[in-house]
Amino acid sequence: MHLVKNFFAVVLLSLSVSANAANADNDVDMQEDGIKLDKPSIWSRLAPAQQIEAQAQQQYLGLKSQAQQQGALVADNDPQVLRLRRIAKLLIPFAQRWNDKAQQWQWEVNLIDSPQMNAFCMPGGKIAFYTGILKTLKLNDDEVAMVMGHEIAHALREHGRERVAKNMALRLGAAVTSSVLGLGHTGQTLVGQGAQLAMLKFSRGDESEADLVGLDIAARAGFDPRAGIALWQKMSLVNKKAPPQWLSTHPAGENRIAEIRKHLPEVMPLFVKAKNLDGASLPPYKSNVKSLAPIL
């Protein structure tokens, strides 16, 4: 058993060292303005992008098929669907700045009629919103753009692919353990097979990256980044009553709002430029929730 543990540790350590070494060679993403981040983790490269995107496509089609059978797939001509697709059309042109592959993605946006407060973007640009998040939070266009930009950012930064790669490393260790101890497939089964790409739980670092990249994309598309603060203030109000599903994978909090506020000076000029506004006389951002104070 001791030898197995040591071997598993060596496997994970070697992968981690390779990832860290490659990351050390990565320069900051070459954004001449706006948000600047280190390049995505090398871990994501350990899982084949084509396979991950194919899996996402299959899962997305399955989700749509199930929703359609239940009468929950909102029609293409519904005003809310048209609204979501219009906002996505404005955001997508700025996605390539963060991932060259985004230009080849077959983007798709759908709306599912469900009280769930949920939204996601799978690898390959497969976006879904649930009516619950639109209705419960009474999202305006700027706030929808914050949610959508955040979810798109997860796909662009390949956070799902990174999670899958790390799970692969765990399965590799489980397979070795099973082989040495004569457990057959038991060890691999215990670790778990496959990944539901719409429901992956990301790290705090992933969530912070998605917030910031989403702000950058939305601002360039002409959406007010201050809506990101209002969005999470709304989420906090709802969370006091009953934690929505979206918060199970997207933890909120004052620290998150503070981080967004800290980066506003980097993204507000993008918004001002996109809308051809006078930044010096920009009015405060006002939410449609009266209890929330205007955001300067």
C-alpha atoms as a PDB file:
ATOM      1  CA  MET A   1       0.000   0.000   0.000  1.00  0.00           C
ATOM      2  CA  HIS A   2       2.849   2.357   0.848  1.00  0.00           C
ATOM      3  CA  LEU A   3       4.421   1.762  -2.581  1.00  0.00           C
ATOM      4  CA  VAL A   4       1.108   2.454  -4.318  1.00  0.00           C
ATOM      5  CA  LYS A   5       0.659   5.735  -2.473  1.00  0.00           C
ATOM      6  CA  ASN A   6       4.199   6.757  -3.376  1.00  0.00           C
ATOM      7  CA  PHE A   7       3.660   5.894  -7.051  1.00  0.00           C
ATOM      8  CA  PHE A   8       0.388   7.847  -7.168  1.00  0.00           C
ATOM      9  CA  ALA A   9       2.116  10.808  -5.555  1.00  0.00           C
ATOM     10  CA  VAL A  10       4.911  10.677  -8.137  1.00  0.00           C
ATOM     11  CA  VAL A  11       2.389  10.613 -11.014  1.00  0.00           C
ATOM     12  CA  LEU A  12       0.538  13.650  -9.710  1.00  0.00           C
ATOM     13  CA  LEU A  13       3.747  15.459  -8.801  1.00  0.00           C
ATOM     14  CA  SER A  14       5.223  14.946 -12.261  1.00  0.00           C
ATOM     15  CA  LEU A  15       2.084  16.319 -13.898  1.00  0.00           C
ATOM     16  CA  SER A  16       2.012  19.245 -11.488  1.00  0.00           C
ATOM     17  CA  VAL A  17       5.689  20.057 -12.036  1.00  0.00           C
ATOM     18  CA  SER A  18       5.190  19.985 -15.800  1.00  0.00           C
ATOM     19  CA  ALA A  19       2.205  22.275 -15.482  1.00  0.00           C
ATOM     20  CA  ASN A  20       3.998  24.723 -13.208  1.00  0.00           C
ATOM     21  CA  ALA A  21       7.094  24.772 -15.392  1.00  0.00           C
ATOM     22  CA  ALA A  22       5.051  25.544 -18.468  1.00  0.00           C
ATOM     23  CA  ASN A  23       3.097  28.212 -16.627  1.00  0.00           C
ATOM     24  CA  ALA A  24       6.345  29.823 -15.522  1.00  0.00           C
ATOM     25  CA  ASP A  25       7.193  30.325 -19.187  1.00  0.00           C
ATOM     26  CA  ASN A  26       3.814  31.896 -19.917  1.00  0.00           C
ATOM     27  CA  ASP A  27       3.801  35.649 -20.228  1.00  0.00           C
ATOM     28  CA  VAL A  28       0.789  37.708 -19.285  1.00  0.00           C
ATOM     29  CA  ASP A  29      -1.873  37.606 -22.018  1.00  0.00           C
ATOM     30  CA  MET A  30      -1.034  40.333 -24.492  1.00  0.00           C
ATOM     31  CA  GLN A  31      -4.005  42.634 -23.951  1.00  0.00           C
ATOM     32  CA  GLU A  32      -3.025  46.202 -24.731  1.00  0.00           C
ATOM     33  CA  ASP A  33      -5.808  47.463 -22.485  1.00  0.00           C
ATOM     34  CA  GLY A  34      -8.436  46.099 -20.148  1.00  0.00           C
ATOM     35  CA  ILE A  35      -7.956  43.044 -17.923  1.00  0.00           C
ATOM     36  CA  LYS A  36      -4.560  41.336 -17.932  1.00  0.00           C
ATOM     37  CA  LEU A  37      -4.147  37.762 -16.709  1.00  0.00           C
ATOM     38  CA  ASP A  38      -1.588  34.990 -16.882  1.00  0.00           C
ATOM     39  CA  LYS A  39      -2.196  32.485 -19.639  1.00  0.00           C
ATOM     40  CA  PRO A  40      -4.451  29.505 -18.814  1.00  0.00           C
ATOM     41  CA  SER A  41      -3.032  26.630 -16.792  1.00  0.00           C
ATOM     42  CA  ILE A  42      -1.058  23.989 -18.675  1.00  0.00           C
ATOM     43  CA  TRP A  43      -3.297  21.420 -16.987  1.00  0.00           C
ATOM     44  CA  SER A  44      -5.950  22.141 -19.618  1.00  0.00           C
ATOM     45  CA  ARG A  45      -3.594  20.942 -22.343  1.00  0.00           C
ATOM     46  CA  LEU A  46      -3.453  17.490 -20.789  1.00  0.00           C
ATOM     47  CA  ALA A  47      -7.040  16.806 -21.894  1.00  0.00           C
ATOM     48  CA  PRO A  48      -7.781  16.726 -25.654  1.00  0.00           C
ATOM     49  CA  ALA A  49      -9.806  19.805 -26.608  1.00  0.00           C
ATOM     50  CA  GLN A  50     -11.545  18.083 -29.520  1.00  0.00           C
ATOM     51  CA  GLN A  51     -12.763  15.273 -27.302  1.00  0.00           C
ATOM     52  CA  ILE A  52     -13.935  17.652 -24.577  1.00  0.00           C
ATOM     53  CA  GLU A  53     -15.848  19.784 -27.066  1.00  0.00           C
ATOM     54  CA  ALA A  54     -17.411  16.679 -28.634  1.00  0.00           C
ATOM     55  CA  GLN A  55     -18.509  15.542 -25.190  1.00  0.00           C
ATOM     56  CA  ALA A  56     -19.948  19.001 -24.506  1.00  0.00           C
ATOM     57  CA  GLN A  57     -21.838  18.906 -27.800  1.00  0.00           C
ATOM     58  CA  GLN A  58     -23.314  15.515 -26.941  1.00  0.00           C
ATOM     59  CA  GLN A  59     -24.355  16.605 -23.456  1.00  0.00           C
ATOM     60  CA  TYR A  60     -25.830  19.854 -24.761  1.00  0.00           C
ATOM     61  CA  LEU A  61     -27.881  18.019 -27.395  1.00  0.00           C
ATOM     62  CA  GLY A  62     -29.087  15.655 -24.695  1.00  0.00           C
ATOM     63  CA  LEU A  63     -30.113  18.570 -22.487  1.00  0.00           C
ATOM     64  CA  LYS A  64     -31.994  20.222 -25.351  1.00  0.00           C
ATOM     65  CA  SER A  65     -33.715  16.966 -26.287  1.00  0.00           C
ATOM     66  CA  GLN A  66     -34.833  16.367 -22.720  1.00  0.00           C
ATOM     67  CA  ALA A  67     -36.091  19.949 -22.376  1.00  0.00           C
ATOM     68  CA  GLN A  68     -37.958  19.661 -25.661  1.00  0.00           C
ATOM     69  CA  GLN A  69     -39.640  16.409 -24.587  1.00  0.00           C
ATOM     70  CA  GLN A  70     -40.762  18.132 -21.387  1.00  0.00           C
ATOM     71  CA  GLY A  71     -42.005  21.181 -23.279  1.00  0.00           C
ATOM     72  CA  ALA A  72     -39.399  23.319 -21.526  1.00  0.00           C
ATOM     73  CA  LEU A  73     -37.230  24.356 -24.486  1.00  0.00           C
ATOM     74  CA  VAL A  74     -38.311  27.937 -25.146  1.00  0.00           C
ATOM     75  CA  ALA A  75     -39.159  28.643 -28.785  1.00  0.00           C
ATOM     76  CA  ASP A  76     -36.662  30.380 -31.050  1.00  0.00           C
ATOM     77  CA  ASN A  77     -39.021  33.314 -31.629  1.00  0.00           C
ATOM     78  CA  ASP A  78     -39.645  33.972 -27.925  1.00  0.00           C
ATOM     79  CA  PRO A  79     -38.651  37.550 -26.953  1.00  0.00           C
ATOM     80  CA  GLN A  80     -36.365  36.328 -24.163  1.00  0.00           C
ATOM     81  CA  VAL A  81     -34.568  33.913 -26.501  1.00  0.00           C
ATOM     82  CA  LEU A  82     -34.119  36.666 -29.063  1.00  0.00           C
ATOM     83  CA  ARG A  83     -32.819  38.919 -26.299  1.00  0.00           C
ATOM     84  CA  LEU A  84     -30.247  36.373 -25.104  1.00  0.00           C
ATOM     85  CA  ARG A  85     -29.054  35.711 -28.641  1.00  0.00           C
ATOM     86  CA  ARG A  86     -28.785  39.431 -29.368  1.00  0.00           C
ATOM     87  CA  ILE A  87     -26.600  39.924 -26.289  1.00  0.00           C
ATOM     88  CA  ALA A  88     -24.485  36.883 -27.183  1.00  0.00           C
ATOM     89  CA  LYS A  89     -24.015  38.235 -30.714  1.00  0.00           C
ATOM     90  CA  LEU A  90     -22.534  41.399 -29.212  1.00  0.00           C
ATOM     91  CA  LEU A  91     -20.234  39.530 -26.802  1.00  0.00           C
ATOM     92  CA  ILE A  92     -18.887  36.758 -29.052  1.00  0.00           C
ATOM     93  CA  PRO A  93     -16.743  38.963 -31.349  1.00  0.00           C
ATOM     94  CA  PHE A  94     -14.574  39.825 -28.325  1.00  0.00           C
ATOM     95  CA  ALA A  95     -14.137  36.213 -27.202  1.00  0.00           C
ATOM     96  CA  GLN A  96     -11.273  35.500 -29.600  1.00  0.00           C
ATOM     97  CA  ARG A  97      -9.056  37.933 -27.704  1.00  0.00           C
ATOM     98  CA  TRP A  98      -8.983  35.351 -24.936  1.00  0.00           C
ATOM     99  CA  ASN A  99      -8.946  32.129 -26.957  1.00  0.00           C
ATOM    100  CA  ASP A 100      -8.126  31.811 -30.647  1.00  0.00           C
ATOM    101  CA  LYS A 101     -10.209  28.638 -30.939  1.00  0.00           C
ATOM    102  CA  ALA A 102     -13.382  30.597 -30.190  1.00  0.00           C
ATOM    103  CA  GLN A 103     -13.474  31.743 -33.808  1.00  0.00           C
ATOM    104  CA  GLN A 104     -14.164  28.156 -34.919  1.00  0.00           C
ATOM    105  CA  TRP A 105     -16.697  27.327 -32.214  1.00  0.00           C
ATOM    106  CA  GLN A 106     -20.269  26.640 -33.261  1.00  0.00           C
ATOM    107  CA  TRP A 107     -21.878  29.022 -30.788  1.00  0.00           C
ATOM    108  CA  GLU A 108     -25.418  28.305 -29.661  1.00  0.00           C
ATOM    109  CA  VAL A 109     -27.753  29.964 -27.148  1.00  0.00           C
ATOM    110  CA  ASN A 110     -30.922  28.417 -25.752  1.00  0.00           C
ATOM    111  CA  LEU A 111     -33.373  29.138 -22.956  1.00  0.00           C
ATOM    112  CA  ILE A 112     -34.939  26.463 -20.742  1.00  0.00           C
ATOM    113  CA  ASP A 113     -38.196  27.133 -18.936  1.00  0.00           C
ATOM    114  CA  SER A 114     -37.378  26.155 -15.385  1.00  0.00           C
ATOM    115  CA  PRO A 115     -37.407  27.885 -11.989  1.00  0.00           C
ATOM    116  CA  GLN A 116     -33.753  26.943 -11.546  1.00  0.00           C
ATOM    117  CA  MET A 117     -31.482  29.956 -11.211  1.00  0.00           C
ATOM    118  CA  ASN A 118     -28.855  28.644 -13.549  1.00  0.00           C
ATOM    119  CA  ALA A 119     -26.806  29.445 -16.640  1.00  0.00           C
ATOM    120  CA  PHE A 120     -23.704  27.937 -18.223  1.00  0.00           C
ATOM    121  CA  CYS A 121     -21.451  27.882 -21.266  1.00  0.00           C
ATOM    122  CA  MET A 122     -19.942  24.518 -22.157  1.00  0.00           C
ATOM    123  CA  PRO A 123     -16.626  24.112 -24.000  1.00  0.00           C
ATOM    124  CA  GLY A 124     -17.176  24.948 -27.654  1.00  0.00           C
ATOM    125  CA  GLY A 125     -19.592  27.810 -26.981  1.00  0.00           C
ATOM    126  CA  LYS A 126     -22.775  25.960 -25.974  1.00  0.00           C
ATOM    127  CA  ILE A 127     -24.750  28.441 -23.843  1.00  0.00           C
ATOM    128  CA  ALA A 128     -27.934  27.808 -21.869  1.00  0.00           C
ATOM    129  CA  PHE A 129     -29.945  30.040 -19.568  1.00  0.00           C
ATOM    130  CA  TYR A 130     -32.825  29.034 -17.325  1.00  0.00           C
ATOM    131  CA  THR A 131     -35.841  31.316 -17.032  1.00  0.00           C
ATOM    132  CA  GLY A 132     -35.473  31.202 -13.247  1.00  0.00           C
ATOM    133  CA  ILE A 133     -32.340  33.340 -13.232  1.00  0.00           C
ATOM    134  CA  LEU A 134     -33.901  35.939 -15.546  1.00  0.00           C
ATOM    135  CA  LYS A 135     -37.168  36.205 -13.612  1.00  0.00           C
ATOM    136  CA  THR A 136     -35.949  35.912 -10.038  1.00  0.00           C
ATOM    137  CA  LEU A 137     -33.176  38.491 -10.424  1.00  0.00           C
ATOM    138  CA  LYS A 138     -35.099  40.640 -12.914  1.00  0.00           C
ATOM    139  CA  LEU A 139     -31.954  40.922 -14.985  1.00  0.00           C
ATOM    140  CA  ASN A 140     -31.594  43.871 -17.330  1.00  0.00           C
ATOM    141  CA  ASP A 141     -29.427  43.580 -20.445  1.00  0.00           C
ATOM    142  CA  ASP A 142     -26.252  44.743 -18.695  1.00  0.00           C
ATOM    143  CA  GLU A 143     -26.725  42.151 -15.953  1.00  0.00           C
ATOM    144  CA  VAL A 144     -27.519  39.379 -18.445  1.00  0.00           C
ATOM    145  CA  ALA A 145     -24.263  40.301 -20.183  1.00  0.00           C
ATOM    146  CA  MET A 146     -22.406  39.933 -16.877  1.00  0.00           C
ATOM    147  CA  VAL A 147     -23.797  36.425 -16.347  1.00  0.00           C
ATOM    148  CA  MET A 148     -23.210  35.407 -19.950  1.00  0.00           C
ATOM    149  CA  GLY A 149     -19.747  36.959 -20.086  1.00  0.00           C
ATOM    150  CA  HIS A 150     -18.786  35.117 -16.902  1.00  0.00           C
ATOM    151  CA  GLU A 151     -19.963  31.774 -18.295  1.00  0.00           C
ATOM    152  CA  ILE A 152     -18.316  32.348 -21.667  1.00  0.00           C
ATOM    153  CA  ALA A 153     -15.098  33.193 -19.832  1.00  0.00           C
ATOM    154  CA  HIS A 154     -15.076  29.758 -18.161  1.00  0.00           C
ATOM    155  CA  ALA A 155     -15.117  28.201 -21.638  1.00  0.00           C
ATOM    156  CA  LEU A 156     -12.520  30.589 -23.050  1.00  0.00           C
ATOM    157  CA  ARG A 157     -10.122  30.011 -20.166  1.00  0.00           C
ATOM    158  CA  GLU A 158     -10.782  26.259 -20.526  1.00  0.00           C
ATOM    159  CA  HIS A 159     -11.581  25.785 -16.862  1.00  0.00           C
ATOM    160  CA  GLY A 160     -13.732  22.763 -17.664  1.00  0.00           C
ATOM    161  CA  ARG A 161     -10.949  21.170 -19.667  1.00  0.00           C
ATOM    162  CA  GLU A 162      -8.583  21.786 -16.756  1.00  0.00           C
ATOM    163  CA  ARG A 163     -10.999  20.134 -14.303  1.00  0.00           C
ATOM    164  CA  VAL A 164     -11.304  17.125 -16.609  1.00  0.00           C
ATOM    165  CA  ALA A 165      -7.504  16.856 -16.929  1.00  0.00           C
ATOM    166  CA  LYS A 166      -7.096  16.808 -13.165  1.00  0.00           C
ATOM    167  CA  ASN A 167      -9.824  14.178 -12.876  1.00  0.00           C
ATOM    168  CA  MET A 168      -7.948  12.149 -15.492  1.00  0.00           C
ATOM    169  CA  ALA A 169      -4.853  12.291 -13.298  1.00  0.00           C
ATOM    170  CA  LEU A 170      -6.894  11.027 -10.365  1.00  0.00           C
ATOM    171  CA  ARG A 171      -8.329   8.205 -12.468  1.00  0.00           C
ATOM    172  CA  LEU A 172      -4.829   7.277 -13.582  1.00  0.00           C
ATOM    173  CA  GLY A 173      -3.795   7.001  -9.961  1.00  0.00           C
ATOM    174  CA  ALA A 174      -6.914   4.955  -9.181  1.00  0.00           C
ATOM    175  CA  ALA A 175      -6.189   2.607 -12.084  1.00  0.00           C
ATOM    176  CA  VAL A 176      -2.641   2.009 -10.824  1.00  0.00           C
ATOM    177  CA  THR A 177      -3.919   1.431  -7.302  1.00  0.00           C
ATOM    178  CA  SER A 178      -6.567  -1.004  -8.539  1.00  0.00           C
ATOM    179  CA  SER A 179      -4.058  -2.931 -10.624  1.00  0.00           C
ATOM    180  CA  VAL A 180      -1.524  -3.283  -7.827  1.00  0.00           C
ATOM    181  CA  LEU A 181      -4.090  -4.207  -5.182  1.00  0.00           C
ATOM    182  CA  GLY A 182      -6.147  -6.446  -7.460  1.00  0.00           C
ATOM    183  CA  LEU A 183      -9.294  -4.328  -7.160  1.00  0.00           C
ATOM    184  CA  GLY A 184     -10.211  -4.534 -10.839  1.00  0.00           C
ATOM    185  CA  HIS A 185     -12.266  -1.522 -11.910  1.00  0.00           C
ATOM    186  CA  THR A 186     -13.349  -0.665  -8.380  1.00  0.00           C
ATOM    187  CA  GLY A 187     -10.772   2.047  -7.848  1.00  0.00           C
ATOM    188  CA  GLN A 188     -11.610   3.801 -11.094  1.00  0.00           C
ATOM    189  CA  THR A 189     -15.310   3.625 -10.320  1.00  0.00           C
ATOM    190  CA  LEU A 190     -14.763   5.195  -6.923  1.00  0.00           C
ATOM    191  CA  VAL A 191     -13.051   8.169  -8.524  1.00  0.00           C
ATOM    192  CA  GLY A 192     -15.897   8.542 -11.009  1.00  0.00           C
ATOM    193  CA  GLN A 193     -16.172   8.350 -14.770  1.00  0.00           C
ATOM    194  CA  GLY A 194     -16.943  11.203 -17.121  1.00  0.00           C
ATOM    195  CA  ALA A 195     -17.802  14.793 -16.327  1.00  0.00           C
ATOM    196  CA  GLN A 196     -21.067  16.686 -16.532  1.00  0.00           C
ATOM    197  CA  LEU A 197     -19.559  19.746 -18.165  1.00  0.00           C
ATOM    198  CA  ALA A 198     -22.523  21.976 -17.344  1.00  0.00           C
ATOM    199  CA  MET A 199     -22.222  21.269 -13.622  1.00  0.00           C
ATOM    200  CA  LEU A 200     -18.495  21.398 -12.932  1.00  0.00           C
ATOM    201  CA  LYS A 201     -17.467  23.163  -9.759  1.00  0.00           C
ATOM    202  CA  PHE A 202     -14.617  25.547 -10.364  1.00  0.00           C
ATOM    203  CA  SER A 203     -11.972  26.799  -7.965  1.00  0.00           C
ATOM    204  CA  ARG A 204     -12.047  30.273  -6.458  1.00  0.00           C
ATOM    205  CA  GLY A 205      -9.267  31.239  -8.846  1.00  0.00           C
ATOM    206  CA  ASP A 206     -11.325  30.034 -11.805  1.00  0.00           C
ATOM    207  CA  GLU A 207     -14.332  32.010 -10.601  1.00  0.00           C
ATOM    208  CA  SER A 208     -12.270  35.162 -10.154  1.00  0.00           C
ATOM    209  CA  GLU A 209     -10.809  34.778 -13.657  1.00  0.00           C
ATOM    210  CA  ALA A 210     -14.267  34.274 -15.129  1.00  0.00           C
ATOM    211  CA  ASP A 211     -15.554  37.399 -13.392  1.00  0.00           C
ATOM    212  CA  LEU A 212     -12.715  39.526 -14.745  1.00  0.00           C
ATOM    213  CA  VAL A 213     -12.625  38.134 -18.288  1.00  0.00           C
ATOM    214  CA  GLY A 214     -16.410  38.407 -18.411  1.00  0.00           C
ATOM    215  CA  LEU A 215     -16.192  42.058 -17.367  1.00  0.00           C
ATOM    216  CA  ASP A 216     -13.621  42.713 -20.089  1.00  0.00           C
ATOM    217  CA  ILE A 217     -15.711  41.081 -22.819  1.00  0.00           C
ATOM    218  CA  ALA A 218     -18.952  42.749 -21.745  1.00  0.00           C
ATOM    219  CA  ALA A 219     -17.362  46.189 -21.472  1.00  0.00           C
ATOM    220  CA  ARG A 220     -15.910  45.941 -24.983  1.00  0.00           C
ATOM    221  CA  ALA A 221     -19.381  44.981 -26.215  1.00  0.00           C
ATOM    222  CA  GLY A 222     -20.887  48.121 -24.671  1.00  0.00           C
ATOM    223  CA  PHE A 223     -22.341  46.768 -21.431  1.00  0.00           C
ATOM    224  CA  ASP A 224     -21.768  48.640 -18.171  1.00  0.00           C
ATOM    225  CA  PRO A 225     -19.275  46.676 -16.008  1.00  0.00           C
ATOM    226  CA  ARG A 226     -20.786  48.145 -12.860  1.00  0.00           C
ATOM    227  CA  ALA A 227     -23.713  45.826 -13.504  1.00  0.00           C
ATOM    228  CA  GLY A 228     -21.412  43.059 -12.252  1.00  0.00           C
ATOM    229  CA  ILE A 229     -21.588  44.567  -8.776  1.00  0.00           C
ATOM    230  CA  ALA A 230     -25.371  44.948  -8.962  1.00  0.00           C
ATOM    231  CA  LEU A 231     -25.681  41.328 -10.139  1.00  0.00           C
ATOM    232  CA  TRP A 232     -23.871  39.928  -7.119  1.00  0.00           C
ATOM    233  CA  GLN A 233     -25.714  42.287  -4.791  1.00  0.00           C
ATOM    234  CA  LYS A 234     -28.952  40.850  -6.152  1.00  0.00           C
ATOM    235  CA  MET A 235     -27.611  37.322  -5.734  1.00  0.00           C
ATOM    236  CA  SER A 236     -26.765  38.095  -2.117  1.00  0.00           C
ATOM    237  CA  LEU A 237     -30.292  39.327  -1.457  1.00  0.00           C
ATOM    238  CA  VAL A 238     -31.777  36.143  -2.923  1.00  0.00           C
ATOM    239  CA  ASN A 239     -29.257  33.985  -1.095  1.00  0.00           C
ATOM    240  CA  LYS A 240     -30.508  35.268   2.258  1.00  0.00           C
ATOM    241  CA  LYS A 241     -33.854  33.604   1.543  1.00  0.00           C
ATOM    242  CA  ALA A 242     -32.741  30.343  -0.097  1.00  0.00           C
ATOM    243  CA  PRO A 243     -29.416  29.595  -1.810  1.00  0.00           C
ATOM    244  CA  PRO A 244     -30.090  29.336  -5.578  1.00  0.00           C
ATOM    245  CA  GLN A 245     -28.552  26.518  -7.601  1.00  0.00           C
ATOM    246  CA  TRP A 246     -26.244  28.881  -9.460  1.00  0.00           C
ATOM    247  CA  LEU A 247     -24.511  29.739  -6.196  1.00  0.00           C
ATOM    248  CA  SER A 248     -23.592  26.088  -5.642  1.00  0.00           C
ATOM    249  CA  THR A 249     -21.012  26.484  -8.402  1.00  0.00           C
ATOM    250  CA  HIS A 250     -20.657  30.288  -8.298  1.00  0.00           C
ATOM    251  CA  PRO A 251     -20.041  31.362  -4.699  1.00  0.00           C
ATOM    252  CA  ALA A 252     -20.875  34.988  -3.993  1.00  0.00           C
ATOM    253  CA  GLY A 253     -19.728  37.291  -1.226  1.00  0.00           C
ATOM    254  CA  GLU A 254     -18.422  40.713  -0.351  1.00  0.00           C
ATOM    255  CA  ASN A 255     -14.890  39.714  -1.373  1.00  0.00           C
ATOM    256  CA  ARG A 256     -16.101  38.939  -4.882  1.00  0.00           C
ATOM    257  CA  ILE A 257     -17.873  42.277  -5.196  1.00  0.00           C
ATOM    258  CA  ALA A 258     -14.776  44.036  -3.864  1.00  0.00           C
ATOM    259  CA  GLU A 259     -12.603  42.308  -6.478  1.00  0.00           C
ATOM    260  CA  ILE A 260     -14.893  43.435  -9.283  1.00  0.00           C
ATOM    261  CA  ARG A 261     -14.913  46.980  -7.932  1.00  0.00           C
ATOM    262  CA  LYS A 262     -11.104  46.956  -7.752  1.00  0.00           C
ATOM    263  CA  HIS A 263     -10.873  46.187 -11.469  1.00  0.00           C
ATOM    264  CA  LEU A 264     -13.459  48.706 -12.651  1.00  0.00           C
ATOM    265  CA  PRO A 265     -10.734  51.247 -13.573  1.00  0.00           C
ATOM    266  CA  GLU A 266      -9.418  48.705 -16.105  1.00  0.00           C
ATOM    267  CA  VAL A 267     -12.750  48.017 -17.812  1.00  0.00           C
ATOM    268  CA  MET A 268     -14.768  51.235 -17.514  1.00  0.00           C
ATOM    269  CA  PRO A 269     -12.659  52.932 -20.238  1.00  0.00           C
ATOM    270  CA  LEU A 270     -13.550  50.028 -22.546  1.00  0.00           C
ATOM    271  CA  PHE A 271     -17.248  50.574 -21.902  1.00  0.00           C
ATOM    272  CA  VAL A 272     -16.974  54.356 -22.321  1.00  0.00           C
ATOM    273  CA  LYS A 273     -15.141  53.884 -25.617  1.00  0.00           C
ATOM    274  CA  ALA A 274     -17.616  51.298 -26.908  1.00  0.00           C
ATOM    275  CA  LYS A 275     -20.579  53.578 -26.176  1.00  0.00           C
ATOM    276  CA  ASN A 276     -18.793  56.799 -27.141  1.00  0.00           C
ATOM    277  CA  LEU A 277     -19.561  58.366 -23.765  1.00  0.00           C
ATOM    278  CA  ASP A 278     -17.926  61.070 -21.709  1.00  0.00           C
ATOM    279  CA  GLY A 279     -16.277  59.177 -18.857  1.00  0.00           C
ATOM    280  CA  ALA A 280     -15.949  62.324 -16.744  1.00  0.00           C
ATOM    281  CA  SER A 281     -19.715  62.837 -16.584  1.00  0.00           C
ATOM    282  CA  LEU A 282     -20.868  59.234 -16.502  1.00  0.00           C
ATOM    283  CA  PRO A 283     -23.971  58.878 -14.289  1.00  0.00           C
ATOM    284  CA  PRO A 284     -24.101  56.238 -11.537  1.00  0.00           C
ATOM    285  CA  TYR A 285     -25.335  52.779 -12.433  1.00  0.00           C
ATOM    286  CA  LYS A 286     -28.849  52.245 -11.069  1.00  0.00           C
ATOM    287  CA  SER A 287     -30.247  48.784 -10.560  1.00  0.00           C
ATOM    288  CA  ASN A 288     -33.951  48.019 -10.955  1.00  0.00           C
ATOM    289  CA  VAL A 289     -33.977  46.959  -7.293  1.00  0.00           C
ATOM    290  CA  LYS A 290     -34.776  50.066  -5.235  1.00  0.00           C
ATOM    291  CA  SER A 291     -33.022  48.826  -2.099  1.00  0.00           C
ATOM    292  CA  LEU A 292     -29.650  48.773  -3.891  1.00  0.00           C
ATOM    293  CA  ALA A 293     -27.712  52.038  -3.852  1.00  0.00           C
ATOM    294  CA  PRO A 294     -26.513  53.533  -7.166  1.00  0.00           C
ATOM    295  CA  ILE A 295     -23.016  52.399  -8.109  1.00  0.00           C
ATOM    296  CA  LEU A 296     -20.468  55.071  -8.968  1.00  0.00           C
END
